[in-house]
PDB file of N, CA and C in Angstrom:
ATOM      1  N   UNK A   1       0.895   9.918  13.510  1.00  0.00           N
ATOM      2  CA  UNK A   1       0.707   9.002  12.239  1.00  0.00           C
ATOM      3  C   UNK A   1      -0.431   9.276  11.565  1.00  0.00           C
ATOM      4  N   UNK A   2      -0.539   9.567  10.158  1.00  0.00           N
ATOM      5  CA  UNK A   2      -1.765   9.619   9.474  1.00  0.00           C
ATOM      6  C   UNK A   2      -2.037   8.387   8.940  1.00  0.00           C
ATOM      7  N   UNK A   3      -3.378   8.244   9.003  1.00  0.00           N
ATOM      8  CA  UNK A   3      -4.011   6.916   8.221  1.00  0.00           C
ATOM      9  C   UNK A   3      -4.678   7.186   6.916  1.00  0.00           C
ATOM     10  N   UNK A   4      -4.633   6.268   6.014  1.00  0.00           N
ATOM     11  CA  UNK A   4      -5.493   6.531   4.784  1.00  0.00           C
ATOM     12  C   UNK A   4      -6.467   5.483   4.584  1.00  0.00           C
ATOM     13  N   UNK A   5      -7.394   5.681   3.686  1.00  0.00           N
ATOM     14  CA  UNK A   5      -8.370   4.599   3.172  1.00  0.00           C
ATOM     15  C   UNK A   5      -8.176   4.082   2.054  1.00  0.00           C
ATOM     16  N   UNK A   6      -8.407   2.613   1.772  1.00  0.00           N
ATOM     17  CA  UNK A   6      -8.280   2.081   0.560  1.00  0.00           C
ATOM     18  C   UNK A   6      -9.883   2.273   0.022  1.00  0.00           C
ATOM     19  N   UNK A   7      -9.857   2.712  -1.265  1.00  0.00           N
ATOM     20  CA  UNK A   7     -11.174   3.101  -1.815  1.00  0.00           C
ATOM     21  C   UNK A   7     -11.789   1.746  -2.379  1.00  0.00           C
ATOM     22  N   UNK A   8     -13.015   1.776  -3.084  1.00  0.00           N
ATOM     23  CA  UNK A   8     -13.567   0.612  -3.559  1.00  0.00           C
ATOM     24  C   UNK A   8     -12.971   0.312  -4.838  1.00  0.00           C
ATOM     25  N   UNK A   9     -12.130   1.077  -5.439  1.00  0.00           N
ATOM     26  CA  UNK A   9     -11.354   0.732  -6.692  1.00  0.00           C
ATOM     27  C   UNK A   9      -9.758   0.631  -6.299  1.00  0.00           C
ATOM     28  N   UNK A  10      -9.528   0.043  -5.060  1.00  0.00           N
ATOM     29  CA  UNK A  10      -8.378   0.004  -4.636  1.00  0.00           C
ATOM     30  C   UNK A  10      -7.352   1.096  -4.635  1.00  0.00           C
ATOM     31  N   UNK A  11      -7.756   2.187  -4.526  1.00  0.00           N
ATOM     32  CA  UNK A  11      -6.903   3.415  -4.683  1.00  0.00           C
ATOM     33  C   UNK A  11      -6.607   3.906  -3.252  1.00  0.00           C
ATOM     34  N   UNK A  12      -5.575   4.661  -3.063  1.00  0.00           N
ATOM     35  CA  UNK A  12      -5.297   5.654  -1.946  1.00  0.00           C
ATOM     36  C   UNK A  12      -5.011   6.862  -2.259  1.00  0.00           C
ATOM     37  N   UNK A  13      -5.156   7.920  -1.345  1.00  0.00           N
ATOM     38  CA  UNK A  13      -4.684   9.221  -1.566  1.00  0.00           C
ATOM     39  C   UNK A  13      -3.552   9.491  -0.567  1.00  0.00           C
ATOM     40  N   UNK A  14      -2.673   9.975  -1.185  1.00  0.00           N
ATOM     41  CA  UNK A  14      -1.578  10.314  -0.389  1.00  0.00           C
ATOM     42  C   UNK A  14      -1.620  11.805   0.415  1.00  0.00           C
ATOM     43  N   UNK A  15      -1.562  11.891   1.505  1.00  0.00           N
ATOM     44  CA  UNK A  15      -2.041  13.198   2.263  1.00  0.00           C
ATOM     45  C   UNK A  15      -0.932  14.312   1.677  1.00  0.00           C
ATOM     46  N   UNK A  16      -1.327  15.590   1.677  1.00  0.00           N
ATOM     47  CA  UNK A  16      -0.577  16.513   0.855  1.00  0.00           C
ATOM     48  C   UNK A  16       0.651  16.770   1.810  1.00  0.00           C
ATOM     49  N   UNK A  17       0.737  16.677   2.760  1.00  0.00           N
ATOM     50  CA  UNK A  17       1.922  16.887   3.726  1.00  0.00           C
ATOM     51  C   UNK A  17       3.129  15.908   3.289  1.00  0.00           C
ATOM     52  N   UNK A  18       2.485  14.612   2.979  1.00  0.00           N
ATOM     53  CA  UNK A  18       3.543  13.623   2.489  1.00  0.00           C
ATOM     54  C   UNK A  18       3.960  13.971   1.132  1.00  0.00           C
ATOM     55  N   UNK A  19       2.992  14.359   0.199  1.00  0.00           N
ATOM     56  CA  UNK A  19       3.347  14.606  -1.327  1.00  0.00           C
ATOM     57  C   UNK A  19       4.358  15.915  -1.195  1.00  0.00           C
ATOM     58  N   UNK A  20       4.155  16.843  -0.538  1.00  0.00           N
ATOM     59  CA  UNK A  20       5.067  17.919  -0.363  1.00  0.00           C
ATOM     60  C   UNK A  20       6.525  17.496   0.096  1.00  0.00           C
ATOM     61  N   UNK A  21       6.502  16.695   1.173  1.00  0.00           N
ATOM     62  CA  UNK A  21       7.886  16.150   1.566  1.00  0.00           C
ATOM     63  C   UNK A  21       8.512  15.504   0.544  1.00  0.00           C
ATOM     64  N   UNK A  22       8.027  14.693  -0.245  1.00  0.00           N
ATOM     65  CA  UNK A  22       8.362  13.786  -1.312  1.00  0.00           C
ATOM     66  C   UNK A  22       8.666  14.597  -2.635  1.00  0.00           C
ATOM     67  N   UNK A  23       8.013  15.777  -2.705  1.00  0.00           N
ATOM     68  CA  UNK A  23       8.016  16.577  -3.831  1.00  0.00           C
ATOM     69  C   UNK A  23       7.393  15.653  -5.099  1.00  0.00           C
ATOM     70  N   UNK A  24       6.309  15.136  -4.890  1.00  0.00           N
ATOM     71  CA  UNK A  24       5.683  14.258  -5.906  1.00  0.00           C
ATOM     72  C   UNK A  24       4.150  15.085  -6.106  1.00  0.00           C
ATOM     73  N   UNK A  25       3.690  14.872  -7.530  1.00  0.00           N
ATOM     74  CA  UNK A  25       2.593  15.264  -7.769  1.00  0.00           C
ATOM     75  C   UNK A  25       2.023  14.359  -8.731  1.00  0.00           C
ATOM     76  N   UNK A  26       0.884  15.082  -9.416  1.00  0.00           N
ATOM     77  CA  UNK A  26       0.063  14.128 -10.298  1.00  0.00           C
ATOM     78  C   UNK A  26       0.967  13.751 -11.580  1.00  0.00           C
ATOM     79  N   UNK A  27       1.127  12.249 -11.842  1.00  0.00           N
ATOM     80  CA  UNK A  27       1.618  11.798 -12.825  1.00  0.00           C
ATOM     81  C   UNK A  27       3.070  11.392 -12.519  1.00  0.00           C
ATOM     82  N   UNK A  28       3.540  11.829 -11.344  1.00  0.00           N
ATOM     83  CA  UNK A  28       4.879  11.302 -10.860  1.00  0.00           C
ATOM     84  C   UNK A  28       4.754   9.740 -10.583  1.00  0.00           C
ATOM     85  N   UNK A  29       5.831   8.941 -10.885  1.00  0.00           N
ATOM     86  CA  UNK A  29       5.904   7.618 -10.488  1.00  0.00           C
ATOM     87  C   UNK A  29       6.497   7.167  -9.218  1.00  0.00           C
ATOM     88  N   UNK A  30       5.976   6.223  -8.482  1.00  0.00           N
ATOM     89  CA  UNK A  30       6.405   5.936  -7.215  1.00  0.00           C
ATOM     90  C   UNK A  30       6.686   4.525  -7.262  1.00  0.00           C
ATOM     91  N   UNK A  31       7.867   4.107  -6.547  1.00  0.00           N
ATOM     92  CA  UNK A  31       8.245   2.694  -6.462  1.00  0.00           C
ATOM     93  C   UNK A  31       7.577   2.246  -4.852  1.00  0.00           C
ATOM     94  N   UNK A  32       7.034   0.941  -5.067  1.00  0.00           N
ATOM     95  CA  UNK A  32       6.572   0.399  -3.956  1.00  0.00           C
ATOM     96  C   UNK A  32       7.272  -0.817  -3.351  1.00  0.00           C
ATOM     97  N   UNK A  33       7.904  -0.878  -2.398  1.00  0.00           N
ATOM     98  CA  UNK A  33       8.879  -1.677  -1.906  1.00  0.00           C
ATOM     99  C   UNK A  33       8.187  -2.540  -0.514  1.00  0.00           C
ATOM    100  N   UNK A  34       8.165  -3.676  -0.604  1.00  0.00           N
ATOM    101  CA  UNK A  34       7.504  -4.476   0.375  1.00  0.00           C
ATOM    102  C   UNK A  34       8.538  -4.806   1.561  1.00  0.00           C
ATOM    103  N   UNK A  35       8.338  -4.282   2.736  1.00  0.00           N
ATOM    104  CA  UNK A  35       9.552  -4.462   3.939  1.00  0.00           C
ATOM    105  C   UNK A  35       9.003  -5.608   4.515  1.00  0.00           C
ATOM    106  N   UNK A  36       7.675  -5.990   5.010  1.00  0.00           N
ATOM    107  CA  UNK A  36       7.274  -7.039   5.749  1.00  0.00           C
ATOM    108  C   UNK A  36       6.026  -7.424   5.148  1.00  0.00           C
ATOM    109  N   UNK A  37       5.359  -8.559   5.905  1.00  0.00           N
ATOM    110  CA  UNK A  37       3.915  -8.718   5.310  1.00  0.00           C
ATOM    111  C   UNK A  37       2.901  -7.493   5.694  1.00  0.00           C
ATOM    112  N   UNK A  38       3.188  -6.614   6.434  1.00  0.00           N
ATOM    113  CA  UNK A  38       2.333  -5.621   6.796  1.00  0.00           C
ATOM    114  C   UNK A  38       2.804  -4.197   6.501  1.00  0.00           C
ATOM    115  N   UNK A  39       3.833  -4.033   6.021  1.00  0.00           N
ATOM    116  CA  UNK A  39       4.541  -2.862   5.884  1.00  0.00           C
ATOM    117  C   UNK A  39       4.964  -2.769   4.418  1.00  0.00           C
ATOM    118  N   UNK A  40       4.877  -1.525   3.746  1.00  0.00           N
ATOM    119  CA  UNK A  40       5.443  -1.095   2.380  1.00  0.00           C
ATOM    120  C   UNK A  40       6.151   0.238   2.605  1.00  0.00           C
ATOM    121  N   UNK A  41       6.869   0.360   1.594  1.00  0.00           N
ATOM    122  CA  UNK A  41       7.654   1.799   1.713  1.00  0.00           C
ATOM    123  C   UNK A  41       7.450   2.239   0.214  1.00  0.00           C
ATOM    124  N   UNK A  42       7.018   3.651   0.127  1.00  0.00           N
ATOM    125  CA  UNK A  42       6.908   4.415  -1.104  1.00  0.00           C
ATOM    126  C   UNK A  42       8.017   5.294  -1.331  1.00  0.00           C
ATOM    127  N   UNK A  43       8.822   5.162  -2.737  1.00  0.00           N
ATOM    128  CA  UNK A  43       9.773   5.977  -2.921  1.00  0.00           C
ATOM    129  C   UNK A  43       9.611   6.837  -4.307  1.00  0.00           C
ATOM    130  N   UNK A  44       9.946   7.887  -4.475  1.00  0.00           N
ATOM    131  CA  UNK A  44       9.646   8.446  -5.648  1.00  0.00           C
ATOM    132  C   UNK A  44      10.682   7.882  -6.715  1.00  0.00           C
ATOM    133  N   UNK A  45      10.219   7.640  -7.808  1.00  0.00           N
ATOM    134  CA  UNK A  45      11.133   6.983  -8.773  1.00  0.00           C
ATOM    135  C   UNK A  45      11.975   8.022  -9.499  1.00  0.00           C
ATOM    136  N   UNK A  46      13.126   7.919  -9.593  1.00  0.00           N
ATOM    137  CA  UNK A  46      14.022   8.739 -10.355  1.00  0.00           C
ATOM    138  C   UNK A  46      13.526   9.188 -11.857  1.00  0.00           C
ATOM    139  N   UNK A  47      13.643  10.583 -12.201  1.00  0.00           N
ATOM    140  CA  UNK A  47      13.212  10.553 -13.391  1.00  0.00           C
ATOM    141  C   UNK A  47      14.504  11.089 -14.174  1.00  0.00           C
ATOM    142  N   UNK A  48      14.172  11.154 -15.557  1.00  0.00           N
ATOM    143  CA  UNK A  48      15.384  11.291 -16.554  1.00  0.00           C
ATOM    144  C   UNK A  48      16.300  12.420 -16.090  1.00  0.00           C
ATOM    145  N   UNK A  49      15.692  13.568 -15.624  1.00  0.00           N
ATOM    146  CA  UNK A  49      16.542  14.689 -15.115  1.00  0.00           C
ATOM    147  C   UNK A  49      17.337  14.402 -13.897  1.00  0.00           C
ATOM    148  N   UNK A  50      16.940  13.563 -12.867  1.00  0.00           N
ATOM    149  CA  UNK A  50      17.374  13.053 -11.706  1.00  0.00           C
ATOM    150  C   UNK A  50      18.743  12.353 -12.083  1.00  0.00           C
ATOM    151  N   UNK A  51      18.599  11.681 -13.139  1.00  0.00           N
ATOM    152  CA  UNK A  51      19.868  10.724 -13.591  1.00  0.00           C
ATOM    153  C   UNK A  51      20.883  11.470 -14.351  1.00  0.00           C
ATOM    154  N   UNK A  52      20.528  12.748 -14.698  1.00  0.00           N
ATOM    155  CA  UNK A  52      21.655  13.449 -15.771  1.00  0.00           C
ATOM    156  C   UNK A  52      22.949  13.653 -14.943  1.00  0.00           C
ATOM    157  N   UNK A  53      23.950  13.302 -15.580  1.00  0.00           N
ATOM    158  CA  UNK A  53      25.186  13.558 -14.745  1.00  0.00           C
ATOM    159  C   UNK A  53      25.667  12.532 -14.032  1.00  0.00           C
ATOM    160  N   UNK A  54      25.090  11.252 -13.904  1.00  0.00           N
ATOM    161  CA  UNK A  54      25.543  10.134 -13.062  1.00  0.00           C
ATOM    162  C   UNK A  54      26.154   9.099 -13.872  1.00  0.00           C
ATOM    163  N   UNK A  55      26.083   9.278 -15.255  1.00  0.00           N
ATOM    164  CA  UNK A  55      26.995   8.482 -16.125  1.00  0.00           C
ATOM    165  C   UNK A  55      28.424   9.147 -16.579  1.00  0.00           C
ATOM    166  N   UNK A  56      29.368   8.609 -16.732  1.00  0.00           N
ATOM    167  CA  UNK A  56      30.404   8.999 -17.140  1.00  0.00           C
ATOM    168  C   UNK A  56      30.639   8.946 -18.561  1.00  0.00           C
ATOM    169  N   UNK A  57      30.915  10.183 -19.258  1.00  0.00           N
ATOM    170  CA  UNK A  57      30.842  10.304 -20.658  1.00  0.00           C
ATOM    171  C   UNK A  57      31.831   9.398 -21.409  1.00  0.00           C
ATOM    172  N   UNK A  58      31.348   8.686 -22.385  1.00  0.00           N
ATOM    173  CA  UNK A  58      32.256   7.764 -23.266  1.00  0.00           C
ATOM    174  C   UNK A  58      32.659   8.314 -24.611  1.00  0.00           C
ATOM    175  N   UNK A  59      33.769   7.888 -25.019  1.00  0.00           N
ATOM    176  CA  UNK A  59      34.258   8.602 -26.202  1.00  0.00           C
ATOM    177  C   UNK A  59      33.268   8.344 -27.376  1.00  0.00           C
ATOM    178  N   UNK A  60      33.152   9.273 -28.090  1.00  0.00           N
ATOM    179  CA  UNK A  60      31.981   9.153 -29.207  1.00  0.00           C
ATOM    180  C   UNK A  60      32.418   8.183 -30.390  1.00  0.00           C
ATOM    181  N   UNK A  61      33.848   8.201 -30.878  1.00  0.00           N
ATOM    182  CA  UNK A  61      34.455   7.268 -31.716  1.00  0.00           C
ATOM    183  C   UNK A  61      34.352   5.809 -31.203  1.00  0.00           C
ATOM    184  N   UNK A  62      33.589   4.903 -31.886  1.00  0.00           N
ATOM    185  CA  UNK A  62      33.594   3.480 -31.533  1.00  0.00           C
ATOM    186  C   UNK A  62      34.954   2.906 -31.403  1.00  0.00           C
ATOM    187  N   UNK A  63      35.758   3.113 -32.498  1.00  0.00           N
ATOM    188  CA  UNK A  63      37.236   2.664 -32.490  1.00  0.00           C
ATOM    189  C   UNK A  63      37.923   2.999 -31.260  1.00  0.00           C
ATOM    190  N   UNK A  64      37.904   4.206 -30.741  1.00  0.00           N
ATOM    191  CA  UNK A  64      38.718   4.704 -29.811  1.00  0.00           C
ATOM    192  C   UNK A  64      38.055   4.091 -28.350  1.00  0.00           C
ATOM    193  N   UNK A  65      36.801   3.797 -28.243  1.00  0.00           N
ATOM    194  CA  UNK A  65      36.226   3.267 -27.092  1.00  0.00           C
ATOM    195  C   UNK A  65      36.550   1.917 -27.102  1.00  0.00           C
ATOM    196  N   UNK A  66      36.490   1.099 -28.132  1.00  0.00           N
ATOM    197  CA  UNK A  66      37.025  -0.420 -28.251  1.00  0.00           C
ATOM    198  C   UNK A  66      38.275  -0.411 -27.883  1.00  0.00           C
ATOM    199  N   UNK A  67      39.304   0.391 -28.252  1.00  0.00           N
ATOM    200  CA  UNK A  67      40.691   0.188 -27.912  1.00  0.00           C
ATOM    201  C   UNK A  67      40.808   0.454 -26.461  1.00  0.00           C
ATOM    202  N   UNK A  68      40.100   1.342 -25.752  1.00  0.00           N
ATOM    203  CA  UNK A  68      40.170   1.705 -24.462  1.00  0.00           C
ATOM    204  C   UNK A  68      39.812   0.510 -23.815  1.00  0.00           C
ATOM    205  N   UNK A  69      38.770  -0.144 -23.976  1.00  0.00           N
ATOM    206  CA  UNK A  69      38.188  -1.083 -23.392  1.00  0.00           C
ATOM    207  C   UNK A  69      39.173  -2.194 -23.457  1.00  0.00           C
ATOM    208  N   UNK A  70      39.745  -2.590 -24.755  1.00  0.00           N
ATOM    209  CA  UNK A  70      40.636  -3.761 -24.884  1.00  0.00           C
ATOM    210  C   UNK A  70      42.215  -3.404 -23.982  1.00  0.00           C
ATOM    211  N   UNK A  71      42.429  -2.037 -23.947  1.00  0.00           N
ATOM    212  CA  UNK A  71      43.700  -1.831 -22.941  1.00  0.00           C
ATOM    213  C   UNK A  71      43.249  -1.983 -21.441  1.00  0.00           C
ATOM    214  N   UNK A  72      42.013  -1.984 -21.149  1.00  0.00           N
ATOM    215  CA  UNK A  72      41.682  -2.091 -19.727  1.00  0.00           C
ATOM    216  C   UNK A  72      41.618  -3.467 -19.348  1.00  0.00           C
ATOM    217  N   UNK A  73      41.516  -4.571 -20.296  1.00  0.00           N
ATOM    218  CA  UNK A  73      41.289  -5.814 -20.044  1.00  0.00           C
ATOM    219  C   UNK A  73      42.639  -6.466 -19.946  1.00  0.00           C
ATOM    220  N   UNK A  74      43.618  -5.875 -20.557  1.00  0.00           N
ATOM    221  CA  UNK A  74      45.025  -6.398 -20.472  1.00  0.00           C
ATOM    222  C   UNK A  74      45.712  -6.116 -19.199  1.00  0.00           C
TER     223      UNK A  74
END
């Protein structure tokens, strides 16, 4: 288990082995989730490229899209 120290500016340095495992570097965003009063979890925030392909394409024509939604409601 690795330990890290909180600096006088309330900053921490993530060890290089952990950064490599998470595939994170300078400028990457992390999500901090509180688990308990004494535990937190760091997760790499998804980037735009991570989200590509996760949404189904919609018809470009607004009229076609509205008709499709109306048909699904009935």
